Amino acid sequence: MEAELSGPGSIPELPEQPVSGEADSVVRARPDVVAAERRLAAEGAFVGAAKAEYWPRLTVGGTAGYTATAFDSLGESGSGRYAVGPVLTWPALNLGRVKAGVDAARAFEAEARAQYDRTVLLAREEMENSLVAYAKARERLAQLDEAAGASERAADLARLRYQGGLSDFLQVLDAQRSLLVAQDQLAQGRTDAITALVAVYRAHGEGETVTP
């Protein structure tokens, strides 16, 4: 693997359609969107748990101890007593505390929902921007490739004219200089297009965790 990465490689082909699938499904599969969605679900569960405090709670409780008619008979055989039964609790005197807990849980849920919506919007924006940038890079690359081809033909023609005695060598040098400039621009255009393609793949498959 190290040898493959250290050596030169061929430039990959630039696909016309770099990604496939519905935009919504691609957005929701991004790690940053998934993380925001999970946080929203967790905050919603906390709201449900806080609301549950309003309702009476039935539990099974038990007590154990000793009973005796005299103090010195405690602990003797037959003095042990046990009781097991349902215990009903209801925060009738602490409704304010329960409401405060529900309000706090709802506030955290609202914050998580806003963060989720913001993450989705930013993901969509990043994806669309990357596709537009890639399309422009491919269009410019096609223009540069056409210009380089034209410069190469002009250089060949200038050389043939010089060999036929129809022009001087300065025209050949000028044509070759223009060809070198066109080839350099073409190479830079390929680099820009590949960089834009990487940005497309990154925007559609990786994403970044968005912080408020």
Protein backbone atom coordinates (compact mmCIF):
# COMPACT_ATOMS: atom_id res chain seq x y z
CA MET A 1 0.00 0.00 0.00
CA GLU A 2 2.81 2.44 0.87
CA ALA A 3 4.55 1.75 -2.43
CA GLU A 4 1.33 2.36 -4.35
CA LEU A 5 0.72 5.69 -2.62
CA SER A 6 4.30 6.95 -2.89
CA GLY A 7 4.58 6.48 -6.66
CA PRO A 8 2.89 8.52 -9.40
CA GLY A 9 -0.51 7.43 -10.57
CA SER A 10 -2.86 8.16 -13.40
CA ILE A 11 -5.48 10.86 -13.07
CA PRO A 12 -8.91 9.31 -12.52
CA GLU A 13 -11.73 9.82 -14.96
CA LEU A 14 -14.13 12.60 -14.09
CA PRO A 15 -17.70 11.23 -14.04
CA GLU A 16 -20.52 13.33 -15.40
CA GLN A 17 -22.76 12.34 -12.49
CA PRO A 18 -20.48 11.87 -9.46
CA VAL A 19 -23.22 10.75 -7.06
CA SER A 20 -26.53 8.95 -7.30
CA GLY A 21 -29.58 8.64 -5.10
CA GLU A 22 -32.26 10.94 -3.75
CA ALA A 23 -31.03 14.11 -2.10
CA ASP A 24 -33.03 13.51 1.10
CA SER A 25 -31.67 10.00 1.60
CA VAL A 26 -28.11 11.17 0.94
CA VAL A 27 -28.45 14.05 3.40
CA ARG A 28 -29.90 11.89 6.16
CA ALA A 29 -27.07 9.37 5.76
CA ARG A 30 -24.38 11.93 6.58
CA PRO A 31 -22.76 11.36 9.99
CA ASP A 32 -23.38 14.92 11.16
CA VAL A 33 -27.08 14.68 10.31
CA VAL A 34 -27.36 11.23 11.91
CA ALA A 35 -25.74 12.53 15.12
CA ALA A 36 -28.11 15.51 15.25
CA GLU A 37 -31.10 13.23 14.65
CA ARG A 38 -30.06 10.88 17.45
CA ARG A 39 -29.66 13.78 19.85
CA LEU A 40 -33.15 15.04 18.94
CA ALA A 41 -34.61 11.58 19.58
CA ALA A 42 -32.85 11.38 22.94
CA GLU A 43 -34.16 14.79 24.03
CA GLY A 44 -37.65 13.73 22.99
CA ALA A 45 -37.35 10.67 25.19
CA PHE A 46 -36.31 12.88 28.11
CA VAL A 47 -39.46 14.98 27.61
CA GLY A 48 -41.56 11.82 27.82
CA ALA A 49 -39.80 10.76 31.00
CA ALA A 50 -40.33 14.19 32.55
CA LYS A 51 -44.05 14.14 31.70
CA ALA A 52 -44.39 10.74 33.32
CA GLU A 53 -43.71 12.39 36.68
CA TYR A 54 -47.21 13.92 36.55
CA TRP A 55 -48.87 10.53 36.86
CA PRO A 56 -49.26 8.47 40.04
CA ARG A 57 -46.70 5.76 40.47
CA LEU A 58 -47.56 2.36 41.85
CA THR A 59 -44.75 0.34 43.31
CA VAL A 60 -44.49 -2.71 45.50
CA GLY A 61 -42.98 -2.00 48.88
CA GLY A 62 -42.22 -3.98 52.00
CA THR A 63 -41.32 -3.42 55.65
CA ALA A 64 -39.77 -5.61 58.28
CA GLY A 65 -39.38 -5.12 62.02
CA TYR A 66 -40.28 -6.27 65.50
CA THR A 67 -43.31 -5.75 67.68
CA ALA A 68 -43.62 -6.54 71.36
CA THR A 69 -45.64 -5.48 74.40
CA ALA A 70 -42.47 -4.93 76.43
CA PHE A 71 -39.07 -3.60 75.51
CA ASP A 72 -37.17 -6.59 76.83
CA SER A 73 -39.15 -8.99 74.65
CA LEU A 74 -38.04 -7.40 71.34
CA GLY A 75 -36.12 -9.84 69.20
CA GLU A 76 -37.68 -12.89 70.75
CA SER A 77 -39.32 -15.57 68.64
CA GLY A 78 -42.69 -14.42 67.36
CA SER A 79 -41.97 -10.72 67.67
CA GLY A 80 -40.91 -10.28 64.00
CA ARG A 81 -43.40 -8.66 61.69
CA TYR A 82 -43.29 -8.31 57.91
CA ALA A 83 -45.53 -6.41 55.50
CA VAL A 84 -45.58 -6.36 51.69
CA GLY A 85 -47.99 -4.39 49.56
CA PRO A 86 -48.52 -1.74 46.88
CA VAL A 87 -47.31 1.80 47.48
CA LEU A 88 -48.98 4.64 45.59
CA THR A 89 -47.00 7.87 45.19
CA TRP A 90 -48.12 11.05 43.44
CA PRO A 91 -46.25 14.37 43.40
CA ALA A 92 -49.36 16.39 44.28
CA LEU A 93 -47.35 18.75 46.45
CA ASN A 94 -44.43 18.98 43.97
CA LEU A 95 -46.24 19.79 40.73
CA GLY A 96 -44.20 22.96 40.34
CA ARG A 97 -40.99 20.97 40.43
CA VAL A 98 -42.37 18.49 37.90
CA LYS A 99 -43.52 21.28 35.58
CA ALA A 100 -40.09 22.91 35.79
CA GLY A 101 -38.51 19.61 34.81
CA VAL A 102 -40.87 19.23 31.85
CA ASP A 103 -40.21 22.80 30.71
CA ALA A 104 -36.47 22.26 30.91
CA ALA A 105 -36.72 19.01 28.93
CA ARG A 106 -38.84 20.74 26.27
CA ALA A 107 -36.30 23.54 26.02
CA PHE A 108 -33.50 21.05 25.40
CA GLU A 109 -35.67 19.28 22.81
CA ALA A 110 -36.38 22.59 21.03
CA GLU A 111 -32.66 23.33 20.97
CA ALA A 112 -31.92 19.88 19.56
CA ARG A 113 -34.60 20.30 16.90
CA ALA A 114 -33.22 23.70 15.86
CA GLN A 115 -29.73 22.18 15.70
CA TYR A 116 -31.03 19.29 13.60
CA ASP A 117 -32.80 21.60 11.16
CA ARG A 118 -29.67 23.76 10.90
CA THR A 119 -27.48 20.71 10.29
CA VAL A 120 -29.78 19.49 7.51
CA LEU A 121 -29.87 22.90 5.84
CA LEU A 122 -26.09 23.26 5.97
CA ALA A 123 -25.67 19.73 4.60
CA ARG A 124 -27.97 20.49 1.68
CA GLU A 125 -26.15 23.74 1.00
CA GLU A 126 -22.75 22.06 1.09
CA MET A 127 -23.92 19.31 -1.25
CA GLU A 128 -25.48 21.69 -3.76
CA ASN A 129 -22.48 24.02 -3.72
CA SER A 130 -20.10 21.13 -4.30
CA LEU A 131 -22.11 19.90 -7.29
CA VAL A 132 -22.28 23.37 -8.83
CA ALA A 133 -18.54 23.89 -8.33
CA TYR A 134 -17.78 20.50 -9.88
CA ALA A 135 -19.99 21.19 -12.90
CA LYS A 136 -18.24 24.52 -13.48
CA ALA A 137 -14.82 22.88 -13.10
CA ARG A 138 -15.70 20.22 -15.70
CA GLU A 139 -17.01 22.87 -18.07
CA ARG A 140 -13.84 24.94 -17.73
CA LEU A 141 -11.71 21.82 -18.16
CA ALA A 142 -13.47 21.06 -21.45
CA GLN A 143 -12.78 24.59 -22.65
CA LEU A 144 -9.12 24.37 -21.63
CA ASP A 145 -8.76 21.00 -23.34
CA GLU A 146 -10.18 22.46 -26.55
CA ALA A 147 -7.85 25.46 -26.28
CA ALA A 148 -4.83 23.21 -25.71
CA GLY A 149 -5.76 21.16 -28.76
CA ALA A 150 -6.04 24.28 -30.85
CA SER A 151 -2.65 25.51 -29.61
CA GLU A 152 -1.07 22.17 -30.45
CA ARG A 153 -2.45 22.28 -33.99
CA ALA A 154 -1.22 25.87 -34.35
CA ALA A 155 2.28 24.83 -33.20
CA ASP A 156 2.35 21.96 -35.69
CA LEU A 157 1.24 24.28 -38.47
CA ALA A 158 3.87 26.88 -37.56
CA ARG A 159 6.57 24.21 -37.64
CA LEU A 160 5.41 22.97 -41.05
CA ARG A 161 5.35 26.51 -42.41
CA TYR A 162 8.88 27.07 -41.12
CA GLN A 163 10.09 23.82 -42.65
CA GLY A 164 8.53 24.86 -45.93
CA GLY A 165 10.25 28.22 -45.84
CA LEU A 166 6.98 30.14 -45.51
CA SER A 167 7.73 31.70 -42.12
CA ASP A 168 10.61 32.40 -39.76
CA PHE A 169 11.51 30.52 -36.60
CA LEU A 170 10.10 33.24 -34.32
CA GLN A 171 6.60 32.20 -35.29
CA VAL A 172 7.45 28.63 -34.28
CA LEU A 173 8.74 29.81 -30.90
CA ASP A 174 5.66 31.95 -30.33
CA ALA A 175 3.34 29.04 -31.17
CA GLN A 176 5.25 26.69 -28.87
CA ARG A 177 5.13 29.25 -26.05
CA SER A 178 1.37 29.53 -26.46
CA LEU A 179 1.12 25.74 -26.43
CA LEU A 180 3.06 25.49 -23.15
CA VAL A 181 0.79 28.08 -21.54
CA ALA A 182 -2.31 26.22 -22.73
CA GLN A 183 -0.97 22.88 -21.47
CA ASP A 184 -0.13 24.40 -18.08
CA GLN A 185 -3.64 25.82 -17.79
CA LEU A 186 -5.07 22.47 -18.81
CA ALA A 187 -3.09 20.69 -16.08
CA GLN A 188 -4.31 23.21 -13.51
CA GLY A 189 -7.86 22.75 -14.77
CA ARG A 190 -7.61 18.99 -14.25
CA THR A 191 -6.33 19.56 -10.71
CA ASP A 192 -9.20 21.94 -9.97
CA ALA A 193 -11.77 19.49 -11.34
CA ILE A 194 -10.40 16.59 -9.29
CA THR A 195 -10.36 18.78 -6.18
CA ALA A 196 -13.99 19.70 -6.85
CA LEU A 197 -14.84 16.01 -7.29
CA VAL A 198 -13.27 15.19 -3.92
CA ALA A 199 -15.35 17.98 -2.37
CA VAL A 200 -18.50 16.42 -3.87
CA TYR A 201 -17.73 13.00 -2.39
CA ARG A 202 -16.88 14.55 0.95
CA ALA A 203 -20.09 16.61 1.05
CA HIS A 204 -22.24 13.61 0.18
CA GLY A 205 -20.58 10.94 2.24
CA GLU A 206 -18.72 12.43 5.17
CA GLY A 207 -19.74 15.87 6.32
CA GLU A 208 -18.65 17.69 9.42
CA THR A 209 -20.16 17.93 12.85
CA VAL A 210 -21.87 21.30 13.04
CA THR A 211 -21.54 23.13 16.32
CA PRO A 212 -23.85 25.93 17.39
